[in-house]
């Protein structure tokens, strides 16, 4: 799995969660197809997804904490 793929996936996930809807889903679909073509396993993709969700949530928690102070 290339670093470029990881970065593109992270961007597509953030875009989807921020409301980009179908465009971000389409990019994620194409990234998934590319991963399969490159021989990347489903567990590798799930691991990257999990890492990205964790980063996003930690970022949200940090921003929420900053608002309270």
N, C-alpha and C. Protein backbone atom coordinates (compact mmCIF):
# COMPACT_ATOMS: atom_id res chain seq x y z
N UNK A 1 0.85 -1.16 0.00
CA UNK A 1 0.00 0.00 0.00
C UNK A 1 0.90 1.23 0.00
N UNK A 2 0.71 2.07 -0.98
CA UNK A 2 1.59 3.24 -1.11
C UNK A 2 1.16 4.35 -0.16
N UNK A 3 2.10 5.21 0.15
CA UNK A 3 1.81 6.37 0.99
C UNK A 3 0.79 7.29 0.30
N UNK A 4 0.89 7.40 -1.01
CA UNK A 4 -0.06 8.22 -1.76
C UNK A 4 -1.48 7.69 -1.58
N UNK A 5 -1.65 6.36 -1.64
CA UNK A 5 -2.97 5.77 -1.46
C UNK A 5 -3.51 6.11 -0.08
N UNK A 6 -2.66 5.95 0.93
CA UNK A 6 -3.06 6.23 2.32
C UNK A 6 -3.52 7.68 2.44
N UNK A 7 -2.78 8.60 1.85
CA UNK A 7 -3.13 10.02 1.93
C UNK A 7 -4.42 10.32 1.17
N UNK A 8 -4.59 9.72 -0.01
CA UNK A 8 -5.83 9.93 -0.77
C UNK A 8 -7.04 9.38 -0.02
N UNK A 9 -6.86 8.23 0.62
CA UNK A 9 -7.96 7.65 1.39
C UNK A 9 -8.33 8.55 2.56
N UNK A 10 -7.33 9.04 3.28
CA UNK A 10 -7.58 9.92 4.42
C UNK A 10 -8.34 11.17 3.98
N UNK A 11 -7.95 11.72 2.85
CA UNK A 11 -8.63 12.91 2.33
C UNK A 11 -10.07 12.59 1.96
N UNK A 12 -10.30 11.47 1.28
CA UNK A 12 -11.66 11.09 0.89
C UNK A 12 -12.54 10.87 2.12
N UNK A 13 -11.99 10.25 3.15
CA UNK A 13 -12.75 10.01 4.37
C UNK A 13 -13.11 11.33 5.05
N UNK A 14 -12.12 12.21 5.20
CA UNK A 14 -12.40 13.53 5.81
C UNK A 14 -13.43 14.30 4.99
N UNK A 15 -13.30 14.27 3.68
CA UNK A 15 -14.25 14.97 2.82
C UNK A 15 -15.66 14.42 3.00
N UNK A 16 -15.76 13.09 3.04
CA UNK A 16 -17.08 12.48 3.22
C UNK A 16 -17.70 12.90 4.55
N UNK A 17 -16.90 12.82 5.60
CA UNK A 17 -17.42 13.16 6.93
C UNK A 17 -17.76 14.64 7.06
N UNK A 18 -17.15 15.47 6.24
CA UNK A 18 -17.46 16.90 6.30
C UNK A 18 -18.59 17.29 5.35
N UNK A 19 -19.19 16.30 4.68
CA UNK A 19 -20.38 16.56 3.90
C UNK A 19 -20.24 16.52 2.40
N UNK A 20 -19.14 16.01 1.87
CA UNK A 20 -18.96 15.96 0.42
C UNK A 20 -19.81 14.89 -0.26
N UNK A 21 -20.40 14.02 0.50
CA UNK A 21 -21.37 13.06 -0.02
C UNK A 21 -20.86 12.13 -1.11
N UNK A 22 -21.62 12.08 -2.19
CA UNK A 22 -21.37 11.13 -3.26
C UNK A 22 -19.99 11.27 -3.92
N UNK A 23 -19.50 12.48 -4.04
CA UNK A 23 -18.18 12.67 -4.67
C UNK A 23 -17.09 11.96 -3.86
N UNK A 24 -17.14 12.11 -2.55
CA UNK A 24 -16.16 11.45 -1.69
C UNK A 24 -16.35 9.94 -1.70
N UNK A 25 -17.60 9.49 -1.72
CA UNK A 25 -17.86 8.05 -1.79
C UNK A 25 -17.32 7.46 -3.09
N UNK A 26 -17.48 8.18 -4.18
CA UNK A 26 -16.96 7.71 -5.46
C UNK A 26 -15.44 7.59 -5.42
N UNK A 27 -14.77 8.58 -4.82
CA UNK A 27 -13.31 8.51 -4.70
C UNK A 27 -12.90 7.32 -3.84
N UNK A 28 -13.62 7.10 -2.74
CA UNK A 28 -13.31 5.96 -1.87
C UNK A 28 -13.52 4.64 -2.61
N UNK A 29 -14.56 4.57 -3.41
CA UNK A 29 -14.82 3.36 -4.20
C UNK A 29 -13.66 3.10 -5.16
N UNK A 30 -13.22 4.13 -5.85
CA UNK A 30 -12.10 3.98 -6.78
C UNK A 30 -10.81 3.60 -6.04
N UNK A 31 -10.61 4.17 -4.86
CA UNK A 31 -9.42 3.80 -4.07
C UNK A 31 -9.49 2.33 -3.66
N UNK A 32 -10.67 1.86 -3.30
CA UNK A 32 -10.84 0.46 -2.95
C UNK A 32 -10.55 -0.46 -4.14
N UNK A 33 -11.03 -0.07 -5.31
CA UNK A 33 -10.75 -0.87 -6.51
C UNK A 33 -9.25 -0.89 -6.81
N UNK A 34 -8.60 0.25 -6.64
CA UNK A 34 -7.16 0.32 -6.88
C UNK A 34 -6.40 -0.56 -5.89
N UNK A 35 -6.84 -0.55 -4.64
CA UNK A 35 -6.19 -1.39 -3.62
C UNK A 35 -6.30 -2.86 -3.99
N UNK A 36 -7.50 -3.28 -4.40
CA UNK A 36 -7.68 -4.68 -4.80
C UNK A 36 -6.79 -5.02 -5.99
N UNK A 37 -6.74 -4.12 -6.97
CA UNK A 37 -5.91 -4.33 -8.15
C UNK A 37 -4.44 -4.48 -7.77
N UNK A 38 -4.01 -3.71 -6.75
CA UNK A 38 -2.62 -3.75 -6.30
C UNK A 38 -2.33 -4.89 -5.33
N UNK A 39 -3.36 -5.70 -5.03
CA UNK A 39 -3.16 -6.85 -4.16
C UNK A 39 -3.20 -6.53 -2.67
N UNK A 40 -3.75 -5.39 -2.32
CA UNK A 40 -3.86 -5.01 -0.91
C UNK A 40 -5.02 -5.77 -0.30
N UNK A 41 -4.80 -6.33 0.87
CA UNK A 41 -5.85 -7.11 1.53
C UNK A 41 -6.88 -6.23 2.22
N UNK A 42 -8.06 -6.82 2.41
CA UNK A 42 -9.15 -6.10 3.07
C UNK A 42 -8.74 -5.67 4.48
N UNK A 43 -8.03 -6.52 5.18
CA UNK A 43 -7.62 -6.16 6.55
C UNK A 43 -6.68 -4.97 6.56
N UNK A 44 -5.85 -4.83 5.54
CA UNK A 44 -4.97 -3.66 5.44
C UNK A 44 -5.79 -2.39 5.25
N UNK A 45 -6.79 -2.47 4.40
CA UNK A 45 -7.66 -1.30 4.16
C UNK A 45 -8.42 -0.95 5.44
N UNK A 46 -8.94 -1.95 6.12
CA UNK A 46 -9.67 -1.73 7.37
C UNK A 46 -8.74 -1.11 8.42
N UNK A 47 -7.51 -1.57 8.48
CA UNK A 47 -6.55 -1.01 9.44
C UNK A 47 -6.31 0.47 9.16
N UNK A 48 -6.17 0.84 7.90
CA UNK A 48 -5.97 2.26 7.55
C UNK A 48 -7.21 3.08 7.91
N UNK A 49 -8.40 2.49 7.66
CA UNK A 49 -9.64 3.17 8.00
C UNK A 49 -9.70 3.43 9.51
N UNK A 50 -9.38 2.41 10.28
CA UNK A 50 -9.40 2.52 11.74
C UNK A 50 -8.42 3.59 12.21
N UNK A 51 -7.22 3.62 11.65
CA UNK A 51 -6.24 4.64 12.01
C UNK A 51 -6.76 6.04 11.71
N UNK A 52 -7.36 6.20 10.54
CA UNK A 52 -7.87 7.51 10.16
C UNK A 52 -9.03 7.96 11.03
N UNK A 53 -9.93 7.06 11.35
CA UNK A 53 -11.04 7.41 12.24
C UNK A 53 -10.50 7.84 13.59
N UNK A 54 -9.50 7.13 14.10
CA UNK A 54 -8.88 7.51 15.37
C UNK A 54 -8.29 8.90 15.32
N UNK A 55 -7.58 9.21 14.25
CA UNK A 55 -7.00 10.55 14.11
C UNK A 55 -8.07 11.62 14.06
N UNK A 56 -9.12 11.35 13.31
CA UNK A 56 -10.20 12.32 13.19
C UNK A 56 -10.86 12.55 14.55
N UNK A 57 -11.14 11.47 15.25
CA UNK A 57 -11.79 11.60 16.56
C UNK A 57 -10.89 12.32 17.56
N UNK A 58 -9.62 12.00 17.56
CA UNK A 58 -8.71 12.70 18.48
C UNK A 58 -8.66 14.19 18.15
N UNK A 59 -8.68 14.51 16.87
CA UNK A 59 -8.69 15.92 16.46
C UNK A 59 -9.95 16.61 16.92
N UNK A 60 -11.09 15.93 16.80
CA UNK A 60 -12.35 16.50 17.26
C UNK A 60 -12.33 16.69 18.77
N UNK A 61 -11.78 15.71 19.48
CA UNK A 61 -11.71 15.83 20.94
C UNK A 61 -10.83 17.00 21.33
N UNK A 62 -9.73 17.22 20.63
CA UNK A 62 -8.84 18.33 20.93
C UNK A 62 -9.56 19.66 20.72
N UNK A 63 -10.27 19.78 19.62
CA UNK A 63 -11.01 21.03 19.35
C UNK A 63 -12.10 21.25 20.38
N UNK A 64 -12.79 20.20 20.79
CA UNK A 64 -13.82 20.35 21.80
C UNK A 64 -13.22 20.79 23.13
N UNK A 65 -12.08 20.21 23.47
CA UNK A 65 -11.39 20.60 24.70
C UNK A 65 -10.95 22.04 24.68
N UNK A 66 -10.50 22.51 23.53
CA UNK A 66 -10.05 23.90 23.41
C UNK A 66 -11.21 24.86 23.55
N UNK A 67 -12.38 24.49 23.11
CA UNK A 67 -13.54 25.38 23.22
C UNK A 67 -13.95 25.58 24.67
N UNK A 68 -13.74 24.57 25.49
CA UNK A 68 -14.18 24.65 26.89
C UNK A 68 -13.29 25.56 27.73
N UNK A 69 -12.05 25.76 27.33
CA UNK A 69 -11.13 26.57 28.14
C UNK A 69 -11.29 28.04 27.89
